[in-house]
Amino acid sequence: VVVTLDGLTHSSPDDVDVLLVSPGGKKVLLLSDAGGNIPISNGRIVIDDNASSSIPDNGPMLPGTYRPSNYGEGDAFASPAPVAPYAA
């Protein structure tokens, strides 16, 4: 699966968490605590397992194609998202 976040704008990308849940209930954390505190504006971020690199932990999150990027532990999503653990 390849996921595209088109038009991503945030003052602190490190705050953005992306969880993908399949109709069958498989949970994959695609992006968490990556990109630091350097703003991104109207960025196109493609998440692909076959990419050559991850988004840097402390940024910047530049437009491009990246492997799923998860830094840190203890990510929790509010209902109706499923509970952890999540594959990375």
C-alpha atoms as a PDB file:
ATOM      1  CA  VAL A   1       0.000   0.000   0.000  1.00  0.00           C
ATOM      2  CA  VAL A   2       1.192   3.484  -0.829  1.00  0.00           C
ATOM      3  CA  VAL A   3      -0.422   6.383   1.060  1.00  0.00           C
ATOM      4  CA  THR A   4      -0.243  10.003  -0.090  1.00  0.00           C
ATOM      5  CA  LEU A   5      -0.805  12.958   2.215  1.00  0.00           C
ATOM      6  CA  ASP A   6      -1.438  15.779  -0.235  1.00  0.00           C
ATOM      7  CA  GLY A   7      -1.473  19.395   0.914  1.00  0.00           C
ATOM      8  CA  LEU A   8      -0.100  18.656   4.387  1.00  0.00           C
ATOM      9  CA  THR A   9       0.238  21.879   6.357  1.00  0.00           C
ATOM     10  CA  HIS A  10       1.197  22.038  10.014  1.00  0.00           C
ATOM     11  CA  SER A  11       3.295  24.350  12.176  1.00  0.00           C
ATOM     12  CA  SER A  12       4.816  21.386  14.043  1.00  0.00           C
ATOM     13  CA  PRO A  13       4.828  18.169  11.970  1.00  0.00           C
ATOM     14  CA  ASP A  14       6.092  16.282  15.038  1.00  0.00           C
ATOM     15  CA  ASP A  15       2.482  16.496  16.317  1.00  0.00           C
ATOM     16  CA  VAL A  16       1.026  14.666  13.293  1.00  0.00           C
ATOM     17  CA  ASP A  17       0.202  10.974  13.786  1.00  0.00           C
ATOM     18  CA  VAL A  18      -1.247   8.870  10.961  1.00  0.00           C
ATOM     19  CA  LEU A  19      -2.832   5.475  11.648  1.00  0.00           C
ATOM     20  CA  LEU A  20      -4.136   3.317   8.792  1.00  0.00           C
ATOM     21  CA  VAL A  21      -6.722   0.654   9.659  1.00  0.00           C
ATOM     22  CA  SER A  22      -7.815  -1.955   7.107  1.00  0.00           C
ATOM     23  CA  PRO A  23     -11.423  -3.149   6.806  1.00  0.00           C
ATOM     24  CA  GLY A  24     -10.206  -6.395   8.422  1.00  0.00           C
ATOM     25  CA  GLY A  25      -8.815  -4.535  11.435  1.00  0.00           C
ATOM     26  CA  LYS A  26      -5.055  -4.569  10.685  1.00  0.00           C
ATOM     27  CA  LYS A  27      -3.508  -1.424  12.239  1.00  0.00           C
ATOM     28  CA  VAL A  28      -0.408   0.283  10.878  1.00  0.00           C
ATOM     29  CA  LEU A  29       1.143   3.443  12.272  1.00  0.00           C
ATOM     30  CA  LEU A  30       2.453   5.249   9.182  1.00  0.00           C
ATOM     31  CA  LEU A  31       3.710   8.452  10.736  1.00  0.00           C
ATOM     32  CA  SER A  32       4.317   9.540  14.317  1.00  0.00           C
ATOM     33  CA  ASP A  33       6.582  12.065  16.040  1.00  0.00           C
ATOM     34  CA  ALA A  34       8.528  12.730  12.826  1.00  0.00           C
ATOM     35  CA  GLY A  35       9.504  15.976  11.175  1.00  0.00           C
ATOM     36  CA  GLY A  36      10.395  18.040  14.230  1.00  0.00           C
ATOM     37  CA  ASN A  37       9.070  21.536  14.787  1.00  0.00           C
ATOM     38  CA  ILE A  38       9.905  22.961  11.370  1.00  0.00           C
ATOM     39  CA  PRO A  39       6.614  23.951   9.665  1.00  0.00           C
ATOM     40  CA  ILE A  40       5.435  22.262   6.485  1.00  0.00           C
ATOM     41  CA  SER A  41       3.072  24.031   4.094  1.00  0.00           C
ATOM     42  CA  ASN A  42       1.071  22.348   1.336  1.00  0.00           C
ATOM     43  CA  GLY A  43       3.485  19.405   1.303  1.00  0.00           C
ATOM     44  CA  ARG A  44       3.012  16.131  -0.560  1.00  0.00           C
ATOM     45  CA  ILE A  45       4.228  13.264   1.632  1.00  0.00           C
ATOM     46  CA  VAL A  46       4.106   9.758   0.183  1.00  0.00           C
ATOM     47  CA  ILE A  47       4.448   6.798   2.563  1.00  0.00           C
ATOM     48  CA  ASP A  48       5.830   3.698   0.815  1.00  0.00           C
ATOM     49  CA  ASP A  49       7.516   0.641   2.392  1.00  0.00           C
ATOM     50  CA  ASN A  50       9.899   0.581  -0.583  1.00  0.00           C
ATOM     51  CA  ALA A  51      11.190   4.137  -0.096  1.00  0.00           C
ATOM     52  CA  SER A  52      14.874   4.593   0.601  1.00  0.00           C
ATOM     53  CA  SER A  53      14.580   6.687   3.778  1.00  0.00           C
ATOM     54  CA  SER A  54      12.361   7.716   6.676  1.00  0.00           C
ATOM     55  CA  ILE A  55      11.260  11.222   7.578  1.00  0.00           C
ATOM     56  CA  PRO A  56      13.900  12.608   9.945  1.00  0.00           C
ATOM     57  CA  ASP A  57      12.982  12.546  13.627  1.00  0.00           C
ATOM     58  CA  ASN A  58      13.840  16.210  14.163  1.00  0.00           C
ATOM     59  CA  GLY A  59      12.957  17.436  10.681  1.00  0.00           C
ATOM     60  CA  PRO A  60      12.548  18.940   8.384  1.00  0.00           C
ATOM     61  CA  MET A  61       9.627  17.070   6.795  1.00  0.00           C
ATOM     62  CA  LEU A  62      10.202  17.902   3.146  1.00  0.00           C
ATOM     63  CA  PRO A  63       7.883  16.835   0.323  1.00  0.00           C
ATOM     64  CA  GLY A  64       8.943  13.396  -0.902  1.00  0.00           C
ATOM     65  CA  THR A  65       8.524   9.642  -0.567  1.00  0.00           C
ATOM     66  CA  TYR A  66       9.399   7.981   2.729  1.00  0.00           C
ATOM     67  CA  ARG A  67       9.165   4.701   4.612  1.00  0.00           C
ATOM     68  CA  PRO A  68       6.715   4.657   7.518  1.00  0.00           C
ATOM     69  CA  SER A  69       8.332   6.806  10.228  1.00  0.00           C
ATOM     70  CA  ASN A  70       7.538   6.295  13.911  1.00  0.00           C
ATOM     71  CA  TYR A  71       9.646   7.746  16.702  1.00  0.00           C
ATOM     72  CA  GLY A  72       8.965   7.349  20.390  1.00  0.00           C
ATOM     73  CA  GLU A  73       6.585   5.072  22.229  1.00  0.00           C
ATOM     74  CA  GLY A  74       3.108   5.208  23.689  1.00  0.00           C
ATOM     75  CA  ASP A  75       1.052   6.600  20.836  1.00  0.00           C
ATOM     76  CA  ALA A  76      -2.658   6.505  21.642  1.00  0.00           C
ATOM     77  CA  PHE A  77      -5.565   7.467  19.429  1.00  0.00           C
ATOM     78  CA  ALA A  78      -9.008   8.521  20.601  1.00  0.00           C
ATOM     79  CA  SER A  79     -12.069   6.419  19.868  1.00  0.00           C
ATOM     80  CA  PRO A  80     -13.214   5.278  17.344  1.00  0.00           C
ATOM     81  CA  ALA A  81      -9.600   4.342  16.485  1.00  0.00           C
ATOM     82  CA  PRO A  82      -8.600   0.869  17.632  1.00  0.00           C
ATOM     83  CA  VAL A  83      -6.347   0.486  20.648  1.00  0.00           C
ATOM     84  CA  ALA A  84      -2.616  -0.252  20.415  1.00  0.00           C
ATOM     85  CA  PRO A  85      -0.413  -2.066  19.651  1.00  0.00           C
ATOM     86  CA  TYR A  86       0.076  -0.870  16.081  1.00  0.00           C
ATOM     87  CA  ALA A  87       2.408  -2.330  13.473  1.00  0.00           C
ATOM     88  CA  ALA A  88       4.985   0.127  12.173  1.00  0.00           C
END
